[in-house]
PDB file of N, CA and C in Angstrom:
ATOM      1  N   MET A   1      18.059  -9.495 -14.039  1.00  0.00           N
ATOM      2  CA  MET A   1      17.274  -9.979 -12.909  1.00  0.00           C
ATOM      3  C   MET A   1      16.517 -11.249 -13.383  1.00  0.00           C
ATOM      4  N   GLN A   2      16.611 -12.305 -12.620  1.00  0.00           N
ATOM      5  CA  GLN A   2      15.986 -13.583 -12.955  1.00  0.00           C
ATOM      6  C   GLN A   2      14.465 -13.453 -12.695  1.00  0.00           C
ATOM      7  N   LYS A   3      13.711 -13.955 -13.613  1.00  0.00           N
ATOM      8  CA  LYS A   3      12.276 -13.904 -13.514  1.00  0.00           C
ATOM      9  C   LYS A   3      11.722 -15.226 -13.025  1.00  0.00           C
ATOM     10  N   THR A   4      10.570 -15.172 -12.397  1.00  0.00           N
ATOM     11  CA  THR A   4       9.857 -16.290 -11.887  1.00  0.00           C
ATOM     12  C   THR A   4       8.403 -16.215 -12.257  1.00  0.00           C
ATOM     13  N   LYS A   5       7.761 -17.310 -12.387  1.00  0.00           N
ATOM     14  CA  LYS A   5       6.336 -17.324 -12.753  1.00  0.00           C
ATOM     15  C   LYS A   5       5.515 -17.096 -11.500  1.00  0.00           C
ATOM     16  N   LEU A   6       4.463 -16.319 -11.676  1.00  0.00           N
ATOM     17  CA  LEU A   6       3.566 -16.018 -10.602  1.00  0.00           C
ATOM     18  C   LEU A   6       2.134 -16.207 -11.133  1.00  0.00           C
ATOM     19  N   THR A   7       1.328 -17.016 -10.581  1.00  0.00           N
ATOM     20  CA  THR A   7      -0.024 -17.265 -10.948  1.00  0.00           C
ATOM     21  C   THR A   7      -0.965 -16.415 -10.106  1.00  0.00           C
ATOM     22  N   LEU A   8      -1.829 -15.548 -10.664  1.00  0.00           N
ATOM     23  CA  LEU A   8      -2.793 -14.730  -9.963  1.00  0.00           C
ATOM     24  C   LEU A   8      -4.212 -15.251 -10.323  1.00  0.00           C
ATOM     25  N   TYR A   9      -5.036 -15.337  -9.381  1.00  0.00           N
ATOM     26  CA  TYR A   9      -6.426 -15.618  -9.587  1.00  0.00           C
ATOM     27  C   TYR A   9      -7.272 -14.397  -9.321  1.00  0.00           C
ATOM     28  N   ILE A  10      -7.854 -13.819 -10.368  1.00  0.00           N
ATOM     29  CA  ILE A  10      -8.633 -12.634 -10.245  1.00  0.00           C
ATOM     30  C   ILE A  10      -9.953 -12.789 -11.010  1.00  0.00           C
ATOM     31  N   ASP A  11     -10.899 -11.934 -10.716  1.00  0.00           N
ATOM     32  CA  ASP A  11     -12.205 -12.008 -11.422  1.00  0.00           C
ATOM     33  C   ASP A  11     -11.997 -11.749 -12.892  1.00  0.00           C
ATOM     34  N   LYS A  12     -12.871 -12.432 -13.691  1.00  0.00           N
ATOM     35  CA  LYS A  12     -12.807 -12.278 -15.136  1.00  0.00           C
ATOM     36  C   LYS A  12     -12.856 -10.830 -15.591  1.00  0.00           C
ATOM     37  N   GLU A  13     -13.762 -10.073 -14.977  1.00  0.00           N
ATOM     38  CA  GLU A  13     -13.886  -8.632 -15.339  1.00  0.00           C
ATOM     39  C   GLU A  13     -12.645  -7.847 -15.039  1.00  0.00           C
ATOM     40  N   ILE A  14     -12.008  -8.109 -13.976  1.00  0.00           N
ATOM     41  CA  ILE A  14     -10.754  -7.442 -13.632  1.00  0.00           C
ATOM     42  C   ILE A  14      -9.671  -7.817 -14.647  1.00  0.00           C
ATOM     43  N   SER A  15      -9.658  -9.068 -15.013  1.00  0.00           N
ATOM     44  CA  SER A  15      -8.701  -9.514 -16.028  1.00  0.00           C
ATOM     45  C   SER A  15      -8.881  -8.799 -17.377  1.00  0.00           C
ATOM     46  N   LYS A  16     -10.180  -8.579 -17.755  1.00  0.00           N
ATOM     47  CA  LYS A  16     -10.461  -7.859 -18.979  1.00  0.00           C
ATOM     48  C   LYS A  16      -9.977  -6.451 -18.848  1.00  0.00           C
ATOM     49  N   LYS A  17     -10.220  -5.800 -17.682  1.00  0.00           N
ATOM     50  CA  LYS A  17      -9.776  -4.448 -17.493  1.00  0.00           C
ATOM     51  C   LYS A  17      -8.294  -4.323 -17.458  1.00  0.00           C
ATOM     52  N   ALA A  18      -7.588  -5.315 -16.883  1.00  0.00           N
ATOM     53  CA  ALA A  18      -6.113  -5.274 -16.919  1.00  0.00           C
ATOM     54  C   ALA A  18      -5.632  -5.362 -18.327  1.00  0.00           C
ATOM     55  N   LYS A  19      -6.147  -6.206 -19.103  1.00  0.00           N
ATOM     56  CA  LYS A  19      -5.725  -6.343 -20.524  1.00  0.00           C
ATOM     57  C   LYS A  19      -6.016  -5.101 -21.365  1.00  0.00           C
ATOM     58  N   LYS A  20      -7.149  -4.471 -21.086  1.00  0.00           N
ATOM     59  CA  LYS A  20      -7.497  -3.241 -21.775  1.00  0.00           C
ATOM     60  C   LYS A  20      -6.563  -2.162 -21.395  1.00  0.00           C
ATOM     61  N   ILE A  21      -6.260  -2.004 -20.102  1.00  0.00           N
ATOM     62  CA  ILE A  21      -5.322  -0.940 -19.694  1.00  0.00           C
ATOM     63  C   ILE A  21      -3.944  -1.242 -20.216  1.00  0.00           C
ATOM     64  N   SER A  22      -3.585  -2.524 -20.276  1.00  0.00           N
ATOM     65  CA  SER A  22      -2.289  -2.969 -20.827  1.00  0.00           C
ATOM     66  C   SER A  22      -2.173  -2.503 -22.287  1.00  0.00           C
ATOM     67  N   ASN A  23      -3.201  -2.759 -23.088  1.00  0.00           N
ATOM     68  CA  ASN A  23      -3.221  -2.380 -24.466  1.00  0.00           C
ATOM     69  C   ASN A  23      -3.117  -0.840 -24.616  1.00  0.00           C
ATOM     70  N   LEU A  24      -3.851  -0.131 -23.796  1.00  0.00           N
ATOM     71  CA  LEU A  24      -3.826   1.373 -23.889  1.00  0.00           C
ATOM     72  C   LEU A  24      -2.513   1.943 -23.486  1.00  0.00           C
ATOM     73  N   SER A  25      -1.880   1.364 -22.472  1.00  0.00           N
ATOM     74  CA  SER A  25      -0.676   1.918 -21.936  1.00  0.00           C
ATOM     75  C   SER A  25       0.591   1.436 -22.734  1.00  0.00           C
ATOM     76  N   GLY A  26       0.439   0.303 -23.408  1.00  0.00           N
ATOM     77  CA  GLY A  26       1.596  -0.202 -24.090  1.00  0.00           C
ATOM     78  C   GLY A  26       2.502  -1.033 -23.210  1.00  0.00           C
ATOM     79  N   LYS A  27       2.024  -1.306 -22.000  1.00  0.00           N
ATOM     80  CA  LYS A  27       2.833  -2.103 -21.039  1.00  0.00           C
ATOM     81  C   LYS A  27       2.126  -3.466 -20.856  1.00  0.00           C
ATOM     82  N   SER A  28       2.874  -4.445 -20.662  1.00  0.00           N
ATOM     83  CA  SER A  28       2.305  -5.822 -20.396  1.00  0.00           C
ATOM     84  C   SER A  28       1.714  -5.809 -19.003  1.00  0.00           C
ATOM     85  N   VAL A  29       0.741  -6.705 -18.739  1.00  0.00           N
ATOM     86  CA  VAL A  29       0.169  -6.825 -17.434  1.00  0.00           C
ATOM     87  C   VAL A  29       1.285  -7.120 -16.400  1.00  0.00           C
ATOM     88  N   SER A  30       2.265  -7.952 -16.779  1.00  0.00           N
ATOM     89  CA  SER A  30       3.357  -8.275 -15.829  1.00  0.00           C
ATOM     90  C   SER A  30       4.115  -6.999 -15.489  1.00  0.00           C
ATOM     91  N   ILE A  31       4.380  -6.112 -16.387  1.00  0.00           N
ATOM     92  CA  ILE A  31       5.079  -4.891 -16.096  1.00  0.00           C
ATOM     93  C   ILE A  31       4.239  -3.990 -15.233  1.00  0.00           C
ATOM     94  N   MET A  32       2.948  -3.943 -15.460  1.00  0.00           N
ATOM     95  CA  MET A  32       2.073  -3.130 -14.641  1.00  0.00           C
ATOM     96  C   MET A  32       2.055  -3.635 -13.203  1.00  0.00           C
ATOM     97  N   VAL A  33       2.001  -4.900 -13.048  1.00  0.00           N
ATOM     98  CA  VAL A  33       1.998  -5.510 -11.708  1.00  0.00           C
ATOM     99  C   VAL A  33       3.365  -5.253 -10.998  1.00  0.00           C
ATOM    100  N   LYS A  34       4.446  -5.376 -11.734  1.00  0.00           N
ATOM    101  CA  LYS A  34       5.789  -5.106 -11.200  1.00  0.00           C
ATOM    102  C   LYS A  34       5.825  -3.623 -10.778  1.00  0.00           C
ATOM    103  N   ASP A  35       5.394  -2.744 -11.605  1.00  0.00           N
ATOM    104  CA  ASP A  35       5.412  -1.286 -11.288  1.00  0.00           C
ATOM    105  C   ASP A  35       4.562  -0.998 -10.041  1.00  0.00           C
ATOM    106  N   TYR A  36       3.424  -1.674  -9.901  1.00  0.00           N
ATOM    107  CA  TYR A  36       2.585  -1.462  -8.751  1.00  0.00           C
ATOM    108  C   TYR A  36       3.358  -1.850  -7.464  1.00  0.00           C
ATOM    109  N   PHE A  37       3.935  -2.965  -7.469  1.00  0.00           N
ATOM    110  CA  PHE A  37       4.624  -3.431  -6.248  1.00  0.00           C
ATOM    111  C   PHE A  37       5.878  -2.622  -5.912  1.00  0.00           C
ATOM    112  N   ILE A  38       6.520  -2.168  -6.911  1.00  0.00           N
ATOM    113  CA  ILE A  38       7.712  -1.269  -6.656  1.00  0.00           C
ATOM    114  C   ILE A  38       7.236   0.031  -6.086  1.00  0.00           C
ATOM    115  N   SER A  39       6.089   0.601  -6.590  1.00  0.00           N
ATOM    116  CA  SER A  39       5.619   1.894  -6.047  1.00  0.00           C
ATOM    117  C   SER A  39       5.121   1.670  -4.624  1.00  0.00           C
ATOM    118  N   ARG A  40       4.454   0.556  -4.347  1.00  0.00           N
ATOM    119  CA  ARG A  40       3.959   0.274  -2.958  1.00  0.00           C
ATOM    120  C   ARG A  40       5.191   0.136  -2.004  1.00  0.00           C
ATOM    121  N   GLU A  41       6.252  -0.508  -2.478  1.00  0.00           N
ATOM    122  CA  GLU A  41       7.381  -0.688  -1.596  1.00  0.00           C
ATOM    123  C   GLU A  41       8.022   0.684  -1.337  1.00  0.00           C
ATOM    124  N   LYS A  42       8.097   1.541  -2.311  1.00  0.00           N
ATOM    125  CA  LYS A  42       8.613   2.913  -2.088  1.00  0.00           C
ATOM    126  C   LYS A  42       7.799   3.633  -1.032  1.00  0.00           C
ATOM    127  N   GLU A  43       6.437   3.552  -1.122  1.00  0.00           N
ATOM    128  CA  GLU A  43       5.616   4.188  -0.157  1.00  0.00           C
ATOM    129  C   GLU A  43       5.844   3.691   1.232  1.00  0.00           C
ATOM    130  N   ILE A  44       5.912   2.387   1.351  1.00  0.00           N
ATOM    131  CA  ILE A  44       6.147   1.780   2.691  1.00  0.00           C
ATOM    132  C   ILE A  44       7.499   2.186   3.205  1.00  0.00           C
ATOM    133  N   ASN A  45       8.547   2.181   2.407  1.00  0.00           N
ATOM    134  CA  ASN A  45       9.874   2.565   2.837  1.00  0.00           C
ATOM    135  C   ASN A  45      10.028   4.012   3.261  1.00  0.00           C
ATOM    136  N   ASN A  46       9.071   4.854   2.829  1.00  0.00           N
ATOM    137  CA  ASN A  46       9.137   6.305   3.166  1.00  0.00           C
ATOM    138  C   ASN A  46       8.448   6.569   4.489  1.00  0.00           C
ATOM    139  N   ILE A  47       7.907   5.501   5.117  1.00  0.00           N
ATOM    140  CA  ILE A  47       7.129   5.649   6.396  1.00  0.00           C
ATOM    141  C   ILE A  47       8.110   5.271   7.494  1.00  0.00           C
ATOM    142  N   ASP A  48       8.177   6.120   8.527  1.00  0.00           N
ATOM    143  CA  ASP A  48       8.998   5.749   9.710  1.00  0.00           C
ATOM    144  C   ASP A  48       8.210   4.904  10.658  1.00  0.00           C
ATOM    145  N   ILE A  49       8.517   3.600  10.625  1.00  0.00           N
ATOM    146  CA  ILE A  49       7.811   2.670  11.429  1.00  0.00           C
ATOM    147  C   ILE A  49       8.755   1.918  12.357  1.00  0.00           C
ATOM    148  N   ASP A  50       8.414   1.849  13.580  1.00  0.00           N
ATOM    149  CA  ASP A  50       9.248   1.072  14.520  1.00  0.00           C
ATOM    150  C   ASP A  50       9.433  -0.371  14.087  1.00  0.00           C
ATOM    151  N   SER A  51      10.581  -0.956  14.261  1.00  0.00           N
ATOM    152  CA  SER A  51      10.829  -2.286  13.782  1.00  0.00           C
ATOM    153  C   SER A  51       9.958  -3.322  14.464  1.00  0.00           C
ATOM    154  N   SER A  52       9.460  -3.049  15.693  1.00  0.00           N
ATOM    155  CA  SER A  52       8.613  -4.006  16.376  1.00  0.00           C
ATOM    156  C   SER A  52       7.193  -3.993  15.756  1.00  0.00           C
ATOM    157  N   ILE A  53       6.876  -3.011  14.980  1.00  0.00           N
ATOM    158  CA  ILE A  53       5.557  -2.850  14.340  1.00  0.00           C
ATOM    159  C   ILE A  53       5.672  -3.291  12.887  1.00  0.00           C
ATOM    160  N   SER A  54       6.818  -3.186  12.265  1.00  0.00           N
ATOM    161  CA  SER A  54       6.918  -3.403  10.828  1.00  0.00           C
ATOM    162  C   SER A  54       6.545  -4.860  10.417  1.00  0.00           C
ATOM    163  N   LYS A  55       6.686  -5.807  11.335  1.00  0.00           N
ATOM    164  CA  LYS A  55       6.348  -7.174  10.939  1.00  0.00           C
ATOM    165  C   LYS A  55       4.820  -7.332  10.752  1.00  0.00           C
ATOM    166  N   TRP A  56       4.079  -6.323  11.202  1.00  0.00           N
ATOM    167  CA  TRP A  56       2.560  -6.416  11.075  1.00  0.00           C
ATOM    168  C   TRP A  56       2.085  -5.736   9.846  1.00  0.00           C
ATOM    169  N   ILE A  57       2.923  -5.104   9.067  1.00  0.00           N
ATOM    170  CA  ILE A  57       2.507  -4.367   7.879  1.00  0.00           C
ATOM    171  C   ILE A  57       1.800  -5.283   6.904  1.00  0.00           C
ATOM    172  N   GLY A  58       0.617  -4.838   6.416  1.00  0.00           N
ATOM    173  CA  GLY A  58      -0.075  -5.590   5.376  1.00  0.00           C
ATOM    174  C   GLY A  58      -1.180  -6.473   6.006  1.00  0.00           C
ATOM    175  N   ILE A  59      -1.205  -6.656   7.315  1.00  0.00           N
ATOM    176  CA  ILE A  59      -2.217  -7.538   7.912  1.00  0.00           C
ATOM    177  C   ILE A  59      -3.570  -6.905   7.873  1.00  0.00           C
ATOM    178  N   LEU A  60      -3.630  -5.605   8.209  1.00  0.00           N
ATOM    179  CA  LEU A  60      -4.935  -4.897   8.208  1.00  0.00           C
ATOM    180  C   LEU A  60      -5.023  -3.939   7.037  1.00  0.00           C
ATOM    181  N   GLU A  61      -6.196  -3.778   6.511  1.00  0.00           N
ATOM    182  CA  GLU A  61      -6.357  -2.758   5.526  1.00  0.00           C
ATOM    183  C   GLU A  61      -6.916  -1.545   6.159  1.00  0.00           C
ATOM    184  N   ILE A  62      -6.162  -0.418   6.014  1.00  0.00           N
ATOM    185  CA  ILE A  62      -6.556   0.838   6.552  1.00  0.00           C
ATOM    186  C   ILE A  62      -6.565   1.860   5.451  1.00  0.00           C
ATOM    187  N   SER A  63      -7.442   2.808   5.619  1.00  0.00           N
ATOM    188  CA  SER A  63      -7.627   3.826   4.623  1.00  0.00           C
ATOM    189  C   SER A  63      -6.602   5.008   4.786  1.00  0.00           C
ATOM    190  N   LYS A  64      -5.922   5.037   5.907  1.00  0.00           N
ATOM    191  CA  LYS A  64      -5.008   6.181   6.149  1.00  0.00           C
ATOM    192  C   LYS A  64      -3.628   5.652   6.396  1.00  0.00           C
ATOM    193  N   PRO A  65      -2.641   6.435   5.933  1.00  0.00           N
ATOM    194  CA  PRO A  65      -1.223   6.008   6.188  1.00  0.00           C
ATOM    195  C   PRO A  65      -0.902   6.055   7.674  1.00  0.00           C
ATOM    196  N   TYR A  66       0.113   5.341   8.087  1.00  0.00           N
ATOM    197  CA  TYR A  66       0.535   5.215   9.411  1.00  0.00           C
ATOM    198  C   TYR A  66       0.812   6.553  10.062  1.00  0.00           C
ATOM    199  N   LYS A  67       1.512   7.464   9.354  1.00  0.00           N
ATOM    200  CA  LYS A  67       1.817   8.794   9.913  1.00  0.00           C
ATOM    201  C   LYS A  67       0.542   9.599  10.250  1.00  0.00           C
ATOM    202  N   LYS A  68      -0.421   9.507   9.362  1.00  0.00           N
ATOM    203  CA  LYS A  68      -1.659  10.216   9.556  1.00  0.00           C
ATOM    204  C   LYS A  68      -2.382   9.727  10.834  1.00  0.00           C
ATOM    205  N   LEU A  69      -2.454   8.353  10.939  1.00  0.00           N
ATOM    206  CA  LEU A  69      -3.084   7.771  12.160  1.00  0.00           C
ATOM    207  C   LEU A  69      -2.346   8.221  13.417  1.00  0.00           C
ATOM    208  N   ARG A  70      -0.994   8.161  13.337  1.00  0.00           N
ATOM    209  CA  ARG A  70      -0.194   8.553  14.477  1.00  0.00           C
ATOM    210  C   ARG A  70      -0.453   9.969  14.894  1.00  0.00           C
ATOM    211  N   ASP A  71      -0.469  10.871  13.879  1.00  0.00           N
ATOM    212  CA  ASP A  71      -0.687  12.279  14.171  1.00  0.00           C
ATOM    213  C   ASP A  71      -2.090  12.517  14.766  1.00  0.00           C
ATOM    214  N   GLU A  72      -3.074  11.817  14.226  1.00  0.00           N
ATOM    215  CA  GLU A  72      -4.425  11.949  14.832  1.00  0.00           C
ATOM    216  C   GLU A  72      -4.521  11.515  16.289  1.00  0.00           C
ATOM    217  N   LEU A  73      -3.750  10.420  16.587  1.00  0.00           N
ATOM    218  CA  LEU A  73      -3.731   9.930  17.966  1.00  0.00           C
ATOM    219  C   LEU A  73      -3.040  10.945  18.884  1.00  0.00           C
ATOM    220  N   ILE A  74      -2.002  11.533  18.356  1.00  0.00           N
ATOM    221  CA  ILE A  74      -1.288  12.535  19.230  1.00  0.00           C
ATOM    222  C   ILE A  74      -2.165  13.761  19.418  1.00  0.00           C
ATOM    223  N   GLU A  75      -2.852  14.216  18.403  1.00  0.00           N
ATOM    224  CA  GLU A  75      -3.791  15.334  18.523  1.00  0.00           C
ATOM    225  C   GLU A  75      -4.887  15.020  19.512  1.00  0.00           C
ATOM    226  N   ASP A  76      -5.439  13.847  19.452  1.00  0.00           N
ATOM    227  CA  ASP A  76      -6.522  13.493  20.416  1.00  0.00           C
ATOM    228  C   ASP A  76      -5.982  13.514  21.863  1.00  0.00           C
ATOM    229  N   LYS A  77      -4.793  12.981  22.042  1.00  0.00           N
ATOM    230  CA  LYS A  77      -4.204  13.037  23.405  1.00  0.00           C
ATOM    231  C   LYS A  77      -3.965  14.443  23.886  1.00  0.00           C
ATOM    232  N   LEU A  78      -3.489  15.277  22.975  1.00  0.00           N
ATOM    233  CA  LEU A  78      -3.254  16.698  23.325  1.00  0.00           C
ATOM    234  C   LEU A  78      -4.535  17.361  23.704  1.00  0.00           C
ATOM    235  N   LYS A  79      -5.628  17.115  22.915  1.00  0.00           N
ATOM    236  CA  LYS A  79      -6.853  17.738  23.235  1.00  0.00           C
ATOM    237  C   LYS A  79      -7.400  17.324  24.597  1.00  0.00           C
ATOM    238  N   LYS A  80      -7.266  16.040  24.926  1.00  0.00           N
ATOM    239  CA  LYS A  80      -7.715  15.579  26.238  1.00  0.00           C
ATOM    240  C   LYS A  80      -6.864  16.223  27.318  1.00  0.00           C
ATOM    241  N   TYR A  81      -5.585  16.387  27.088  1.00  0.00           N
ATOM    242  CA  TYR A  81      -4.723  16.993  28.071  1.00  0.00           C
ATOM    243  C   TYR A  81      -5.126  18.471  28.334  1.00  0.00           C
ATOM    244  N   GLU A  82      -5.408  19.190  27.175  1.00  0.00           N
ATOM    245  CA  GLU A  82      -5.798  20.575  27.317  1.00  0.00           C
ATOM    246  C   GLU A  82      -7.132  20.758  28.049  1.00  0.00           C
ATOM    247  N   ASN A  83      -8.042  19.792  27.884  1.00  0.00           N
ATOM    248  CA  ASN A  83      -9.327  19.823  28.560  1.00  0.00           C
ATOM    249  C   ASN A  83      -9.210  19.630  30.030  1.00  0.00           C
ATOM    250  N   ILE A  84      -8.175  18.835  30.482  1.00  0.00           N
ATOM    251  CA  ILE A  84      -7.918  18.589  31.892  1.00  0.00           C
ATOM    252  C   ILE A  84      -7.349  19.785  32.536  1.00  0.00           C
ATOM    253  N   SER A  85      -6.485  20.482  31.841  1.00  0.00           N
ATOM    254  CA  SER A  85      -5.740  21.654  32.442  1.00  0.00           C
ATOM    255  C   SER A  85      -6.621  22.808  32.736  1.00  0.00           C
TER     256      SER A  85
END
């Protein structure tokens, strides 16, 4: 696989932490960043998202995965329906 240079601008303290973790783990910072993005891609690919929504992935930071938010919305709608009946 061909490699390309990527410049990241991060806080000095984060840089120190990354280097420390790199030394402890025996992996370069580049490998750790690569591993992170590969794992994130796998997480995203495991989520069933409609194609009309997928273009918006990454725009908002949310604390819950899509499926959890979807399930909560469905539960809320069901509760409202049960209260009407």
